[in-house]
Amino acid sequence: MTTPLRLGIAGLGTVGLGVVGIVRKQADLLARRTGRDIRITAVSARDATKDRGVNLGGYAWEADPVDLAQRDDVDIFIEVMGGIDGAAKDATEAALRAGKDVVTANKAMLAIHGQALAEQAEAAGRCIKFEAAVAGGIPVIKALSEGLAANEITRVMGVINGTCNYILTRMESAGLPYEAIFREAADLGYLETDPMLDVGGIDAGHKLALLAAIAFGTRPDFDGIELEGIDRIEIEDIRQAADMGYRIKLLGVAQRTGRGLEQRMQPCLVPISSPLGQLEGGTNMIVIEGDAVEQIVLRGPGAGAGPTASAVMGDVCDLARGFRMPTFGQPAASLENAPAARAVLPAPYYLRMALLDKPGALAKIATILGASGVSIDRMRQYGHSEPAAPVLIVTHKTTRAALDEAISAMQATDVLVSPPVALRIENL
């Protein structure tokens, strides 16, 4: 057996302690599968005196993760602190400069700084691996960069934020409004410190940027994502969607087009009978379509100590075996700087609005839609209560540009009580 592989872990929260647990529990299994002993030599976190329920006395302690990253007795620097900049980025750069490989769960840092970090890693002859940054325990990074390497990927889509999926499915099962389930999720500890990272689609957008980079050979482009969260979804939307045979999901979609790279993270209606429509609770699901493989579906836990630590250790095992590859599956210099493209493929849309209860209001909306080239498939009034008249419209296939033109014209009228909510219908 060769020399031991020595790990330094920066961040001792849920994921960091999960990694400690796996290394301790599965030491013999890891050695058999990789041909090397894998050991933790040093750790770093903000508070050395905090009781974490785990004896960490056998490891060297560094208050500064940058110092941990530069230790001579660390071969792989594991970054599970989080944060776009600051300590996480500084320590990652320091590790690469010191000749260490990096394993990280930090999707935000890589979505914003991934290109520069990948270039730094390759220049130093090192690796950055990040299976744990996307979809928790689902090995989607490995699937895209290894198992599907011979495919031209045509589309990647999925539900990649478990908190949002929990909120939407819980609203449906409990029949409770968004605000109530949001508070419930907060009480259960499901939300980030800044809840908009979850419900605003930002967390899922970071993950989508990384998936798109690997799938399409492009530079990570978080700023190019059309981003919309779930905070405007009401219980009536959930009920009306179910009545039509749909469920609402925060859906990420990425695909290459003749105009550039289309990336969108937005709530959509999907058929209840589809794999995505059947997804419950905090589970994640990713659908990958390729020219040779056609379509595969990956489903599993998107967060938590065990699943995310499992992904971290999968990357560690690859490095222990000597398996190395560029950060995004191909040399960083070869990644294209693809222009961002808005979705132009027509789709039906769900449109909810509240109109003033006065003669001609609905006719005015119908006229505006027609003038923008948007054809109405179904229209319904429900829950009538003065002075507002709730109206639900389902369009035939149209473009988002045409619908936005109509919505802008509607908002210039005197018949809307509140801005319309428009959701794309994806018939998967």
Protein backbone atom coordinates (compact mmCIF):
# COMPACT_ATOMS: atom_id res chain seq x y z
CA MET A 1 0.00 0.00 0.00
CA THR A 2 1.29 3.50 -0.86
CA THR A 3 1.67 6.46 1.45
CA PRO A 4 -1.49 7.72 3.20
CA LEU A 5 -3.58 10.44 1.61
CA ARG A 6 -3.92 13.29 4.10
CA LEU A 7 -7.00 15.51 4.26
CA GLY A 8 -7.48 18.99 5.67
CA ILE A 9 -11.12 19.98 6.24
CA ALA A 10 -12.13 23.65 6.33
CA GLY A 11 -15.62 23.94 7.79
CA LEU A 12 -17.06 21.73 10.52
CA GLY A 13 -20.76 22.16 9.96
CA THR A 14 -23.15 19.47 8.78
CA VAL A 15 -21.11 18.45 5.74
CA GLY A 16 -17.66 18.71 7.34
CA LEU A 17 -18.67 16.52 10.26
CA GLY A 18 -20.29 14.14 7.79
CA VAL A 19 -16.92 13.75 6.06
CA VAL A 20 -15.23 13.11 9.41
CA GLY A 21 -17.81 10.42 10.14
CA ILE A 22 -17.29 8.62 6.82
CA VAL A 23 -13.49 8.67 7.09
CA ARG A 24 -13.67 7.20 10.58
CA LYS A 25 -16.39 4.63 9.94
CA GLN A 26 -15.24 3.46 6.50
CA ALA A 27 -11.45 3.60 6.89
CA ASP A 28 -10.92 -0.06 5.87
CA LEU A 29 -13.41 0.14 3.00
CA LEU A 30 -11.78 3.30 1.64
CA ALA A 31 -8.31 1.72 1.82
CA ARG A 32 -9.48 -1.41 -0.03
CA ARG A 33 -11.20 0.57 -2.77
CA THR A 34 -8.48 3.16 -3.35
CA GLY A 35 -5.30 1.29 -2.38
CA ARG A 36 -4.39 4.02 0.12
CA ASP A 37 -5.08 4.87 3.71
CA ILE A 38 -7.12 8.07 3.86
CA ARG A 39 -6.61 10.15 6.99
CA ILE A 40 -7.65 13.52 8.34
CA THR A 41 -4.66 15.42 9.64
CA ALA A 42 -5.99 18.93 10.29
CA VAL A 43 -9.23 20.89 10.46
CA SER A 44 -10.37 24.49 10.57
CA ALA A 45 -13.49 26.29 11.79
CA ARG A 46 -14.37 29.57 13.45
CA ASP A 47 -14.76 28.30 17.02
CA ALA A 48 -12.41 25.65 18.39
CA THR A 49 -14.30 25.48 21.71
CA LYS A 50 -17.72 24.68 20.26
CA ASP A 51 -19.16 21.30 21.24
CA ARG A 52 -19.88 19.58 17.93
CA GLY A 53 -20.68 16.20 19.42
CA VAL A 54 -17.55 14.70 17.84
CA ASN A 55 -14.09 14.29 19.34
CA LEU A 56 -11.74 16.24 17.09
CA GLY A 57 -8.79 16.11 19.48
CA GLY A 58 -6.71 13.89 17.22
CA TYR A 59 -6.47 16.54 14.50
CA ALA A 60 -4.35 19.66 14.26
CA TRP A 61 -6.46 22.82 14.47
CA GLU A 62 -6.04 25.95 12.37
CA ALA A 63 -8.11 29.05 13.09
CA ASP A 64 -7.40 30.41 9.60
CA PRO A 65 -8.39 28.13 6.68
CA VAL A 66 -5.64 29.70 4.57
CA ASP A 67 -3.09 28.32 7.04
CA LEU A 68 -4.78 24.92 6.83
CA ALA A 69 -4.59 25.02 3.04
CA GLN A 70 -0.82 25.55 3.17
CA ARG A 71 0.10 22.87 5.72
CA ASP A 72 2.78 20.39 4.65
CA ASP A 73 0.78 17.48 6.09
CA VAL A 74 -2.30 18.15 3.91
CA ASP A 75 -2.54 16.62 0.42
CA ILE A 76 -6.19 17.45 -0.33
CA PHE A 77 -7.87 20.61 0.89
CA ILE A 78 -11.60 20.05 1.50
CA GLU A 79 -13.56 23.31 1.45
CA VAL A 80 -17.04 23.01 2.97
CA MET A 81 -17.35 26.51 4.47
CA GLY A 82 -19.38 28.16 1.72
CA GLY A 83 -19.42 31.74 0.51
CA ILE A 84 -18.67 33.32 -2.84
CA ASP A 85 -15.60 35.26 -1.74
CA GLY A 86 -13.71 35.77 1.50
CA ALA A 87 -12.20 32.86 3.40
CA ALA A 88 -13.44 30.12 1.08
CA LYS A 89 -11.97 31.67 -2.06
CA ASP A 90 -8.78 32.81 -0.35
CA ALA A 91 -8.14 29.35 1.09
CA THR A 92 -8.93 27.60 -2.19
CA GLU A 93 -6.46 29.81 -4.05
CA ALA A 94 -3.87 29.27 -1.32
CA ALA A 95 -4.29 25.50 -1.55
CA LEU A 96 -3.72 25.55 -5.31
CA ARG A 97 -0.65 27.75 -4.93
CA ALA A 98 0.69 25.29 -2.34
CA GLY A 99 0.27 22.37 -4.73
CA LYS A 100 -2.84 20.84 -3.15
CA ASP A 101 -5.85 19.37 -4.88
CA VAL A 102 -9.18 20.86 -3.81
CA VAL A 103 -12.52 19.17 -3.14
CA THR A 104 -15.36 21.61 -2.54
CA ALA A 105 -19.11 21.72 -2.03
CA ASN A 106 -19.19 25.44 -2.82
CA LYS A 107 -21.48 25.97 -5.84
CA ALA A 108 -21.68 29.75 -5.33
CA MET A 109 -17.91 30.25 -5.46
CA LEU A 110 -17.54 28.09 -8.57
CA ALA A 111 -20.53 29.61 -10.37
CA ILE A 112 -18.94 33.07 -10.02
CA HIS A 113 -15.20 32.36 -9.96
CA GLY A 114 -15.06 28.88 -11.49
CA GLN A 115 -13.30 29.85 -14.71
CA ALA A 116 -10.46 31.67 -12.96
CA LEU A 117 -10.06 28.93 -10.36
CA ALA A 118 -10.05 26.22 -13.05
CA GLU A 119 -7.33 28.07 -14.93
CA GLN A 120 -5.28 28.43 -11.73
CA ALA A 121 -5.67 24.74 -10.92
CA GLU A 122 -4.58 23.61 -14.38
CA ALA A 123 -1.60 25.97 -14.39
CA ALA A 124 -0.51 24.42 -11.08
CA GLY A 125 -1.14 20.86 -12.28
CA ARG A 126 -3.86 20.42 -9.65
CA CYS A 127 -7.53 19.43 -9.62
CA ILE A 128 -10.70 21.04 -8.31
CA LYS A 129 -13.50 18.52 -7.83
CA PHE A 130 -17.01 19.51 -6.81
CA GLU A 131 -19.48 16.62 -6.97
CA ALA A 132 -20.96 17.77 -3.67
CA ALA A 133 -21.75 21.24 -5.03
CA VAL A 134 -24.70 20.04 -7.15
CA ALA A 135 -27.62 17.85 -6.06
CA GLY A 136 -26.10 16.46 -2.87
CA GLY A 137 -25.68 12.71 -3.13
CA ILE A 138 -26.61 12.41 -6.82
CA PRO A 139 -23.41 11.80 -8.86
CA VAL A 140 -24.47 14.09 -11.69
CA ILE A 141 -21.07 15.75 -12.21
CA LYS A 142 -19.48 12.34 -12.69
CA ALA A 143 -22.33 11.28 -14.99
CA LEU A 144 -21.89 14.30 -17.26
CA SER A 145 -18.09 14.45 -17.32
CA GLU A 146 -17.38 10.71 -17.43
CA GLY A 147 -20.29 8.38 -18.15
CA LEU A 148 -21.80 10.63 -20.84
CA ALA A 149 -18.53 12.04 -22.20
CA ALA A 150 -19.18 10.57 -25.66
CA ASN A 151 -22.58 12.27 -25.96
CA GLU A 152 -23.44 15.63 -27.39
CA ILE A 153 -25.69 16.84 -24.59
CA THR A 154 -28.82 18.51 -25.94
CA ARG A 155 -30.56 19.51 -22.73
CA VAL A 156 -30.14 19.36 -18.96
CA MET A 157 -33.12 20.06 -16.73
CA GLY A 158 -34.22 19.34 -13.23
CA VAL A 159 -35.30 20.20 -9.73
CA ILE A 160 -32.08 21.02 -7.86
CA ASN A 161 -33.24 22.89 -4.78
CA GLY A 162 -34.85 20.60 -2.23
CA THR A 163 -36.15 23.44 -0.06
CA CYS A 164 -38.25 24.87 -2.89
CA ASN A 165 -39.56 21.45 -3.80
CA TYR A 166 -40.47 20.86 -0.15
CA ILE A 167 -42.36 24.17 0.02
CA LEU A 168 -44.30 23.56 -3.20
CA THR A 169 -45.26 19.96 -2.46
CA ARG A 170 -46.10 20.80 1.16
CA MET A 171 -48.37 23.64 0.04
CA GLU A 172 -50.26 21.12 -2.07
CA SER A 173 -50.48 18.33 0.53
CA ALA A 174 -51.38 20.62 3.45
CA GLY A 175 -53.51 23.07 1.50
CA LEU A 176 -51.68 25.93 3.18
CA PRO A 177 -50.46 29.24 1.70
CA TYR A 178 -46.87 29.99 0.78
CA GLU A 179 -46.27 32.18 3.84
CA ALA A 180 -47.26 29.40 6.26
CA ILE A 181 -45.05 26.77 4.62
CA PHE A 182 -42.18 29.25 4.33
CA ARG A 183 -42.31 29.73 8.12
CA GLU A 184 -42.51 25.97 8.60
CA ALA A 185 -39.43 25.43 6.43
CA ALA A 186 -37.57 28.12 8.39
CA ASP A 187 -38.50 26.48 11.72
CA LEU A 188 -37.23 23.13 10.41
CA GLY A 189 -33.90 24.69 9.44
CA TYR A 190 -34.37 24.07 5.72
CA LEU A 191 -33.74 27.67 4.60
CA GLU A 192 -30.40 29.36 4.06
CA THR A 193 -29.46 32.27 6.35
CA ASP A 194 -30.58 34.47 3.47
CA PRO A 195 -33.84 32.73 2.44
CA MET A 196 -33.78 34.34 -1.01
CA LEU A 197 -30.86 32.08 -1.90
CA ASP A 198 -33.43 29.28 -1.81
CA VAL A 199 -36.84 30.73 -2.66
CA GLY A 200 -35.38 33.29 -5.08
CA GLY A 201 -33.82 30.51 -7.17
CA ILE A 202 -30.26 31.76 -6.61
CA ASP A 203 -28.91 28.56 -5.03
CA ALA A 204 -30.42 26.45 -7.81
CA GLY A 205 -29.13 28.94 -10.40
CA HIS A 206 -25.55 28.48 -9.13
CA LYS A 207 -25.94 24.71 -9.61
CA LEU A 208 -27.43 25.12 -13.08
CA ALA A 209 -24.47 27.26 -14.17
CA LEU A 210 -22.08 24.44 -13.21
CA LEU A 211 -24.13 21.74 -14.93
CA ALA A 212 -24.32 23.82 -18.11
CA ALA A 213 -20.56 24.43 -18.14
CA ILE A 214 -19.83 20.69 -18.12
CA ALA A 215 -22.70 19.71 -20.40
CA PHE A 216 -21.97 22.25 -23.15
CA GLY A 217 -18.28 23.06 -22.76
CA THR A 218 -18.92 26.68 -21.81
CA ARG A 219 -17.60 28.99 -19.14
CA PRO A 220 -19.82 29.12 -16.04
CA ASP A 221 -22.21 32.03 -16.58
CA PHE A 222 -24.48 32.61 -13.61
CA ASP A 223 -25.29 36.14 -14.79
CA GLY A 224 -26.71 34.70 -18.02
CA ILE A 225 -29.45 32.73 -16.23
CA GLU A 226 -33.07 33.90 -16.44
CA LEU A 227 -33.86 33.74 -12.75
CA GLU A 228 -37.26 33.67 -11.07
CA GLY A 229 -38.13 32.32 -7.63
CA ILE A 230 -41.22 30.77 -6.10
CA ASP A 231 -42.21 33.61 -3.76
CA ARG A 232 -45.12 34.73 -6.00
CA ILE A 233 -46.70 31.26 -6.11
CA GLU A 234 -50.01 31.16 -4.25
CA ILE A 235 -52.07 28.24 -3.03
CA GLU A 236 -54.57 28.97 -5.81
CA ASP A 237 -51.83 28.38 -8.38
CA ILE A 238 -51.10 25.01 -6.78
CA ARG A 239 -54.80 24.06 -6.83
CA GLN A 240 -55.48 25.26 -10.34
CA ALA A 241 -52.40 23.47 -11.68
CA ALA A 242 -53.48 20.21 -10.00
CA ASP A 243 -56.98 20.61 -11.45
CA MET A 244 -55.44 20.70 -14.93
CA GLY A 245 -53.19 17.68 -14.29
CA TYR A 246 -50.00 19.61 -13.46
CA ARG A 247 -47.71 20.36 -10.53
CA ILE A 248 -45.58 23.45 -10.07
CA LYS A 249 -41.82 22.93 -9.76
CA LEU A 250 -38.85 25.28 -9.63
CA LEU A 251 -37.33 23.94 -12.82
CA GLY A 252 -33.85 24.57 -14.16
CA VAL A 253 -33.28 24.17 -17.91
CA ALA A 254 -30.07 24.59 -19.91
CA GLN A 255 -29.58 23.99 -23.62
CA ARG A 256 -27.40 25.19 -26.49
CA THR A 257 -29.18 27.01 -29.30
CA GLY A 258 -28.12 28.79 -32.47
CA ARG A 259 -28.30 32.03 -30.52
CA GLY A 260 -26.13 30.92 -27.60
CA LEU A 261 -26.61 29.24 -24.22
CA GLU A 262 -30.14 29.24 -22.85
CA GLN A 263 -30.28 28.92 -19.06
CA ARG A 264 -33.42 29.49 -17.03
CA MET A 265 -34.43 28.78 -13.47
CA GLN A 266 -38.13 29.45 -12.97
CA PRO A 267 -41.31 27.89 -11.60
CA CYS A 268 -43.06 25.85 -14.30
CA LEU A 269 -46.04 23.56 -14.61
CA VAL A 270 -45.07 19.95 -15.35
CA PRO A 271 -47.42 16.97 -15.85
CA ILE A 272 -48.29 15.16 -12.61
CA SER A 273 -47.59 11.86 -14.41
CA SER A 274 -44.01 12.83 -15.37
CA PRO A 275 -40.98 11.85 -13.23
CA LEU A 276 -40.49 15.50 -12.26
CA GLY A 277 -44.19 15.85 -11.45
CA GLN A 278 -44.02 12.92 -9.06
CA LEU A 279 -41.04 14.30 -7.14
CA GLU A 280 -41.87 14.87 -3.46
CA GLY A 281 -40.33 16.78 -0.57
CA GLY A 282 -36.65 17.71 -0.55
CA THR A 283 -35.61 15.17 -3.20
CA ASN A 284 -33.71 16.35 -6.29
CA MET A 285 -34.06 15.08 -9.86
CA ILE A 286 -31.98 15.81 -12.94
CA VAL A 287 -32.89 14.83 -16.50
CA ILE A 288 -30.06 14.66 -19.04
CA GLU A 289 -30.65 14.28 -22.77
CA GLY A 290 -27.88 13.30 -25.18
CA ASP A 291 -27.66 12.30 -28.82
CA ALA A 292 -26.56 8.72 -28.10
CA VAL A 293 -28.02 7.97 -24.68
CA GLU A 294 -31.30 9.80 -25.42
CA GLN A 295 -32.61 10.49 -21.89
CA ILE A 296 -31.56 9.48 -18.40
CA VAL A 297 -33.08 10.48 -15.06
CA LEU A 298 -31.09 10.81 -11.83
CA ARG A 299 -33.00 11.06 -8.56
CA GLY A 300 -31.86 11.26 -4.95
CA PRO A 301 -31.31 13.35 -1.81
CA GLY A 302 -30.15 16.85 -2.63
CA ALA A 303 -28.73 17.83 0.75
CA GLY A 304 -27.89 16.57 4.23
CA ALA A 305 -24.80 15.37 6.04
CA GLY A 306 -24.70 11.84 4.63
CA PRO A 307 -25.51 12.48 0.96
CA THR A 308 -23.28 15.55 0.60
CA ALA A 309 -20.37 14.02 2.53
CA SER A 310 -20.74 10.93 0.33
CA ALA A 311 -20.21 13.13 -2.73
CA VAL A 312 -17.16 14.79 -1.14
CA MET A 313 -15.61 11.43 -0.42
CA GLY A 314 -16.36 10.18 -3.92
CA ASP A 315 -14.11 12.96 -5.19
CA VAL A 316 -11.46 12.15 -2.59
CA CYS A 317 -11.50 8.50 -3.70
CA ASP A 318 -10.99 9.54 -7.33
CA LEU A 319 -7.91 11.53 -6.35
CA ALA A 320 -6.64 8.69 -4.16
CA ARG A 321 -6.81 6.39 -7.20
CA GLY A 322 -4.93 8.92 -9.31
CA PHE A 323 -7.92 9.81 -11.47
CA ARG A 324 -7.54 13.43 -12.51
CA MET A 325 -9.32 15.60 -15.06
CA PRO A 326 -9.93 19.30 -15.75
CA THR A 327 -12.42 21.04 -13.47
CA PHE A 328 -15.23 21.31 -16.03
CA GLY A 329 -14.40 18.16 -17.99
CA GLN A 330 -12.12 19.78 -20.59
CA PRO A 331 -9.24 22.26 -20.44
CA ALA A 332 -10.36 25.62 -19.09
CA ALA A 333 -8.88 27.46 -22.07
CA SER A 334 -11.14 25.48 -24.41
CA LEU A 335 -14.39 26.45 -22.67
CA GLU A 336 -16.47 28.70 -24.89
CA ASN A 337 -17.69 32.11 -23.81
CA ALA A 338 -21.21 31.47 -25.12
CA PRO A 339 -23.61 34.41 -25.34
CA ALA A 340 -26.65 34.19 -23.09
CA ALA A 341 -29.84 33.43 -24.99
CA ARG A 342 -33.43 33.85 -23.88
CA ALA A 343 -35.93 31.04 -24.38
CA VAL A 344 -37.67 31.43 -27.75
CA LEU A 345 -39.21 28.01 -28.28
CA PRO A 346 -42.99 28.41 -27.99
CA ALA A 347 -44.81 26.82 -25.06
CA PRO A 348 -48.23 27.15 -23.48
CA TYR A 349 -48.40 29.43 -20.46
CA TYR A 350 -50.49 29.59 -17.32
CA LEU A 351 -51.55 33.17 -16.58
CA ARG A 352 -53.24 34.29 -13.35
CA MET A 353 -54.44 37.80 -12.62
CA ALA A 354 -57.03 39.72 -10.64
CA LEU A 355 -59.19 42.18 -12.57
CA LEU A 356 -61.43 44.99 -11.39
CA ASP A 357 -65.01 43.75 -11.35
CA LYS A 358 -66.38 46.05 -14.00
CA PRO A 359 -67.86 45.61 -17.50
CA GLY A 360 -65.34 45.17 -20.30
CA ALA A 361 -62.34 44.32 -18.11
CA LEU A 362 -61.96 40.76 -19.33
CA ALA A 363 -62.61 41.77 -22.94
CA LYS A 364 -59.82 44.34 -22.70
CA ILE A 365 -57.36 41.63 -21.52
CA ALA A 366 -58.43 39.27 -24.31
CA THR A 367 -57.96 42.01 -26.88
CA ILE A 368 -54.45 42.77 -25.61
CA LEU A 369 -53.47 39.10 -25.79
CA GLY A 370 -54.77 38.84 -29.35
CA ALA A 371 -52.94 41.97 -30.42
CA SER A 372 -49.69 40.42 -29.13
CA GLY A 373 -50.34 37.21 -31.04
CA VAL A 374 -51.18 35.20 -27.92
CA SER A 375 -54.07 32.79 -28.43
CA ILE A 376 -56.26 31.72 -25.48
CA ASP A 377 -56.79 27.98 -24.98
CA ARG A 378 -58.78 28.09 -21.74
CA MET A 379 -60.12 30.85 -19.53
CA ARG A 380 -61.80 30.63 -16.13
CA GLN A 381 -63.06 32.97 -13.42
CA TYR A 382 -63.02 31.58 -9.89
CA GLY A 383 -63.40 32.67 -6.26
CA HIS A 384 -65.19 35.89 -7.21
CA SER A 385 -65.07 38.56 -4.51
CA GLU A 386 -65.61 42.29 -5.05
CA PRO A 387 -63.87 44.42 -6.10
CA ALA A 388 -61.50 41.85 -7.64
CA ALA A 389 -62.34 39.09 -10.08
CA PRO A 390 -59.64 36.37 -10.18
CA VAL A 391 -59.06 35.12 -13.73
CA LEU A 392 -57.07 32.13 -14.97
CA ILE A 393 -55.95 31.90 -18.60
CA VAL A 394 -54.08 29.06 -20.30
CA THR A 395 -52.60 30.06 -23.64
CA HIS A 396 -51.83 28.02 -26.71
CA LYS A 397 -48.12 27.78 -27.51
CA THR A 398 -46.53 31.21 -27.62
CA THR A 399 -43.16 32.81 -27.00
CA ARG A 400 -42.24 34.47 -23.74
CA ALA A 401 -41.44 37.64 -25.67
CA ALA A 402 -45.00 37.83 -27.01
CA LEU A 403 -46.42 37.13 -23.57
CA ASP A 404 -44.21 39.79 -21.96
CA GLU A 405 -45.40 42.29 -24.56
CA ALA A 406 -49.00 41.48 -23.63
CA ILE A 407 -48.32 41.68 -19.88
CA SER A 408 -46.67 45.06 -20.31
CA ALA A 409 -49.73 46.32 -22.19
CA MET A 410 -52.04 44.91 -19.51
CA GLN A 411 -50.16 46.77 -16.79
CA ALA A 412 -50.71 50.00 -18.67
CA THR A 413 -54.50 49.57 -18.37
CA ASP A 414 -56.78 50.45 -15.48
CA VAL A 415 -58.28 46.96 -15.06
CA LEU A 416 -55.56 45.03 -13.20
CA VAL A 417 -55.75 44.76 -9.40
CA SER A 418 -52.35 43.02 -9.17
CA PRO A 419 -49.57 42.13 -11.62
CA PRO A 420 -50.16 38.91 -13.58
CA VAL A 421 -48.32 35.72 -12.65
CA ALA A 422 -47.11 33.83 -15.74
CA LEU A 423 -45.77 30.25 -15.57
CA ARG A 424 -44.44 28.23 -18.48
CA ILE A 425 -46.03 24.80 -19.02
CA GLU A 426 -43.41 22.15 -19.81
CA ASN A 427 -45.01 19.08 -21.35
CA LEU A 428 -42.07 16.76 -20.76
